[in-house]
């Protein structure tokens, strides 16, 4: 299935960080994403811009995903 960058097993939530190497690994990343979603995981993807320029919004989105049934 592949391993996501961050994983919250109790919430079946996977987080992916698309760094600079993402363009080179797009095919593999997409296949891993599809396997995770097919296995019933929720998946959120973030970029450097999300983490560095919109950190509050990024944290809020993850928090909602973790604590919203």
C-alpha atoms as a PDB file:
ATOM      1  CA  UNK A   1       0.000   0.000   0.000  1.00  0.00           C
ATOM      2  CA  UNK A   2       2.810   2.449   0.749  1.00  0.00           C
ATOM      3  CA  UNK A   3       3.499   4.677   3.709  1.00  0.00           C
ATOM      4  CA  UNK A   4       2.150   8.208   3.955  1.00  0.00           C
ATOM      5  CA  UNK A   5       4.373  10.960   5.323  1.00  0.00           C
ATOM      6  CA  UNK A   6       2.227  11.302   8.452  1.00  0.00           C
ATOM      7  CA  UNK A   7      -0.413   8.915   9.694  1.00  0.00           C
ATOM      8  CA  UNK A   8      -3.053   8.981  12.412  1.00  0.00           C
ATOM      9  CA  UNK A   9      -4.131   5.323  12.628  1.00  0.00           C
ATOM     10  CA  UNK A  10      -7.005   5.810  15.071  1.00  0.00           C
ATOM     11  CA  UNK A  11      -8.549   8.334  12.688  1.00  0.00           C
ATOM     12  CA  UNK A  12      -7.533   6.549   9.463  1.00  0.00           C
ATOM     13  CA  UNK A  13      -6.106   9.864   8.323  1.00  0.00           C
ATOM     14  CA  UNK A  14      -3.009  10.122   6.152  1.00  0.00           C
ATOM     15  CA  UNK A  15      -1.106  13.331   5.404  1.00  0.00           C
ATOM     16  CA  UNK A  16       1.190  13.768   2.424  1.00  0.00           C
ATOM     17  CA  UNK A  17       3.776  16.509   2.032  1.00  0.00           C
ATOM     18  CA  UNK A  18       4.566  17.289  -1.595  1.00  0.00           C
ATOM     19  CA  UNK A  19       8.085  18.679  -1.449  1.00  0.00           C
ATOM     20  CA  UNK A  20      10.446  19.657  -4.257  1.00  0.00           C
ATOM     21  CA  UNK A  21      10.954  16.037  -5.303  1.00  0.00           C
ATOM     22  CA  UNK A  22       7.209  15.580  -5.822  1.00  0.00           C
ATOM     23  CA  UNK A  23       7.300  16.362  -9.543  1.00  0.00           C
ATOM     24  CA  UNK A  24       9.860  13.612 -10.075  1.00  0.00           C
ATOM     25  CA  UNK A  25       7.801  11.059  -8.127  1.00  0.00           C
ATOM     26  CA  UNK A  26       4.318  12.059  -9.253  1.00  0.00           C
ATOM     27  CA  UNK A  27       3.415   8.664 -10.688  1.00  0.00           C
ATOM     28  CA  UNK A  28       4.446   6.796  -7.547  1.00  0.00           C
ATOM     29  CA  UNK A  29       2.777   9.366  -5.304  1.00  0.00           C
ATOM     30  CA  UNK A  30      -0.482   9.102  -7.235  1.00  0.00           C
ATOM     31  CA  UNK A  31      -0.447   5.318  -7.087  1.00  0.00           C
ATOM     32  CA  UNK A  32       0.208   5.385  -3.322  1.00  0.00           C
ATOM     33  CA  UNK A  33      -2.607   7.894  -2.862  1.00  0.00           C
ATOM     34  CA  UNK A  34      -5.020   5.708  -4.784  1.00  0.00           C
ATOM     35  CA  UNK A  35      -4.092   2.653  -2.697  1.00  0.00           C
ATOM     36  CA  UNK A  36      -4.581   4.585   0.552  1.00  0.00           C
ATOM     37  CA  UNK A  37      -7.976   5.919  -0.512  1.00  0.00           C
ATOM     38  CA  UNK A  38      -9.000   2.480  -1.775  1.00  0.00           C
ATOM     39  CA  UNK A  39      -8.082   1.034   1.639  1.00  0.00           C
ATOM     40  CA  UNK A  40     -10.454   3.473   3.351  1.00  0.00           C
ATOM     41  CA  UNK A  41      -8.051   6.184   4.500  1.00  0.00           C
ATOM     42  CA  UNK A  42      -8.800   9.875   4.321  1.00  0.00           C
ATOM     43  CA  UNK A  43      -5.918  11.723   2.725  1.00  0.00           C
ATOM     44  CA  UNK A  44      -4.843  15.354   2.911  1.00  0.00           C
ATOM     45  CA  UNK A  45      -2.025  16.722   0.736  1.00  0.00           C
ATOM     46  CA  UNK A  46       0.096  19.768   1.551  1.00  0.00           C
ATOM     47  CA  UNK A  47       2.894  21.723  -0.100  1.00  0.00           C
ATOM     48  CA  UNK A  48       5.636  23.929   1.285  1.00  0.00           C
ATOM     49  CA  UNK A  49       3.409  26.948   0.635  1.00  0.00           C
ATOM     50  CA  UNK A  50       0.693  25.398   2.814  1.00  0.00           C
ATOM     51  CA  UNK A  51       3.069  24.699   5.667  1.00  0.00           C
ATOM     52  CA  UNK A  52       5.144  27.878   5.501  1.00  0.00           C
ATOM     53  CA  UNK A  53       2.668  30.511   4.314  1.00  0.00           C
ATOM     54  CA  UNK A  54      -0.620  29.196   5.649  1.00  0.00           C
ATOM     55  CA  UNK A  55       0.376  27.213   8.716  1.00  0.00           C
ATOM     56  CA  UNK A  56      -2.698  28.205  10.745  1.00  0.00           C
ATOM     57  CA  UNK A  57      -5.064  27.107   7.974  1.00  0.00           C
ATOM     58  CA  UNK A  58      -3.126  23.860   7.520  1.00  0.00           C
ATOM     59  CA  UNK A  59      -3.296  23.028  11.230  1.00  0.00           C
ATOM     60  CA  UNK A  60      -6.997  23.910  11.323  1.00  0.00           C
ATOM     61  CA  UNK A  61      -7.721  21.588   8.406  1.00  0.00           C
ATOM     62  CA  UNK A  62      -5.871  18.690  10.022  1.00  0.00           C
ATOM     63  CA  UNK A  63      -7.556  19.370  13.349  1.00  0.00           C
ATOM     64  CA  UNK A  64     -11.006  19.315  11.701  1.00  0.00           C
ATOM     65  CA  UNK A  65     -10.149  16.053   9.944  1.00  0.00           C
ATOM     66  CA  UNK A  66      -9.050  14.500  13.231  1.00  0.00           C
ATOM     67  CA  UNK A  67     -11.954  15.633  15.381  1.00  0.00           C
ATOM     68  CA  UNK A  68     -14.903  15.705  13.012  1.00  0.00           C
ATOM     69  CA  UNK A  69     -16.689  12.369  12.780  1.00  0.00           C
END
